[in-house]
Amino acid sequence: RLVAEAKKIPIVLPMYHVGMDDILPNNKPYVPRIRKKVTLLIGQPMEFTEDVELMRLMKKTPTEIRKYITDKIQDEIYKLKE
């Protein structure tokens, strides 16, 4: 929604991480742990300006635009995960 409704469409940088739950667990005590391994994968910047403009010209609904953007970002994150 942030991308689809922005006045100036931002560039999205997809990221995927593994191991953050070892550093900051989701259960008590919520104390950060040291010397744990984290893997951070960063993808290529994604530009949606042309896509959003085209979809607006095609009179797509805001929901359709958000779904399109979400699906593309999610696909890139899944590629990073592999």
Protein backbone atom coordinates (compact mmCIF):
# COMPACT_ATOMS: atom_id res chain seq x y z
CA ARG A 1 0.00 0.00 0.00
CA LEU A 2 2.91 2.35 0.74
CA VAL A 3 4.23 1.82 -2.78
CA ALA A 4 0.88 1.92 -4.58
CA GLU A 5 -0.42 5.09 -2.91
CA ALA A 6 2.77 7.14 -2.70
CA LYS A 7 2.92 10.46 -4.55
CA LYS A 8 6.43 9.54 -5.65
CA ILE A 9 6.82 5.79 -6.03
CA PRO A 10 9.75 4.54 -3.90
CA ILE A 11 12.37 2.05 -4.96
CA VAL A 12 11.90 -1.26 -3.11
CA LEU A 13 14.93 -3.21 -1.92
CA PRO A 14 13.90 -6.81 -1.21
CA MET A 15 15.63 -8.47 1.74
CA TYR A 16 15.48 -11.92 3.29
CA HIS A 17 17.06 -12.87 6.60
CA VAL A 18 17.62 -16.09 8.50
CA GLY A 19 18.68 -16.27 12.14
CA MET A 20 17.21 -13.10 13.64
CA ASP A 21 15.07 -15.19 15.98
CA ASP A 22 18.30 -16.57 17.47
CA ILE A 23 19.49 -13.04 18.26
CA LEU A 24 16.18 -11.66 19.54
CA PRO A 25 13.87 -14.53 20.53
CA ASN A 26 10.08 -14.27 20.33
CA ASN A 27 9.62 -15.47 23.90
CA LYS A 28 10.58 -14.19 27.32
CA PRO A 29 13.10 -13.03 28.29
CA TYR A 30 13.38 -10.66 25.34
CA VAL A 31 17.11 -10.20 25.76
CA PRO A 32 19.32 -9.93 22.66
CA ARG A 33 21.86 -12.71 22.39
CA ILE A 34 25.39 -12.31 21.07
CA ARG A 35 27.60 -14.50 18.88
CA LYS A 36 24.72 -15.83 16.81
CA LYS A 37 24.80 -16.23 13.04
CA VAL A 38 22.51 -14.15 10.83
CA THR A 39 22.30 -14.45 7.07
CA LEU A 40 21.02 -11.39 5.21
CA LEU A 41 20.33 -11.60 1.50
CA ILE A 42 19.66 -8.38 -0.41
CA GLY A 43 18.08 -8.42 -3.86
CA GLN A 44 18.13 -5.99 -6.74
CA PRO A 45 16.25 -2.69 -6.38
CA MET A 46 12.71 -2.85 -7.73
CA GLU A 47 11.12 0.07 -9.58
CA PHE A 48 7.31 0.24 -9.83
CA THR A 49 6.68 3.73 -11.23
CA GLU A 50 5.85 2.61 -14.77
CA ASP A 51 3.80 -0.35 -13.55
CA VAL A 52 1.67 1.78 -11.23
CA GLU A 53 1.16 4.50 -13.85
CA LEU A 54 0.11 1.91 -16.45
CA MET A 55 -2.29 0.22 -14.06
CA ARG A 56 -3.85 3.57 -13.16
CA LEU A 57 -4.34 4.34 -16.87
CA MET A 58 -5.96 0.92 -17.27
CA LYS A 59 -8.37 1.93 -14.46
CA LYS A 60 -7.31 -0.91 -12.18
CA THR A 61 -8.71 -0.79 -8.68
CA PRO A 62 -6.43 0.12 -5.76
CA THR A 63 -6.76 -3.47 -4.55
CA GLU A 64 -5.59 -4.85 -7.90
CA ILE A 65 -2.61 -2.49 -7.93
CA ARG A 66 -1.61 -3.45 -4.38
CA LYS A 67 -1.95 -7.16 -5.20
CA TYR A 68 0.25 -6.80 -8.28
CA ILE A 69 2.98 -4.99 -6.32
CA THR A 70 2.76 -7.39 -3.38
CA ASP A 71 3.01 -10.42 -5.64
CA LYS A 72 6.09 -9.09 -7.44
CA ILE A 73 7.88 -8.25 -4.17
CA GLN A 74 6.93 -11.61 -2.69
CA ASP A 75 8.28 -13.43 -5.77
CA GLU A 76 11.63 -11.66 -5.37
CA ILE A 77 11.82 -12.54 -1.69
CA TYR A 78 11.09 -16.19 -2.47
CA LYS A 79 13.89 -16.15 -5.04
CA LEU A 80 16.27 -14.83 -2.37
CA LYS A 81 15.15 -17.54 0.02
CA GLU A 82 16.07 -20.25 -2.49
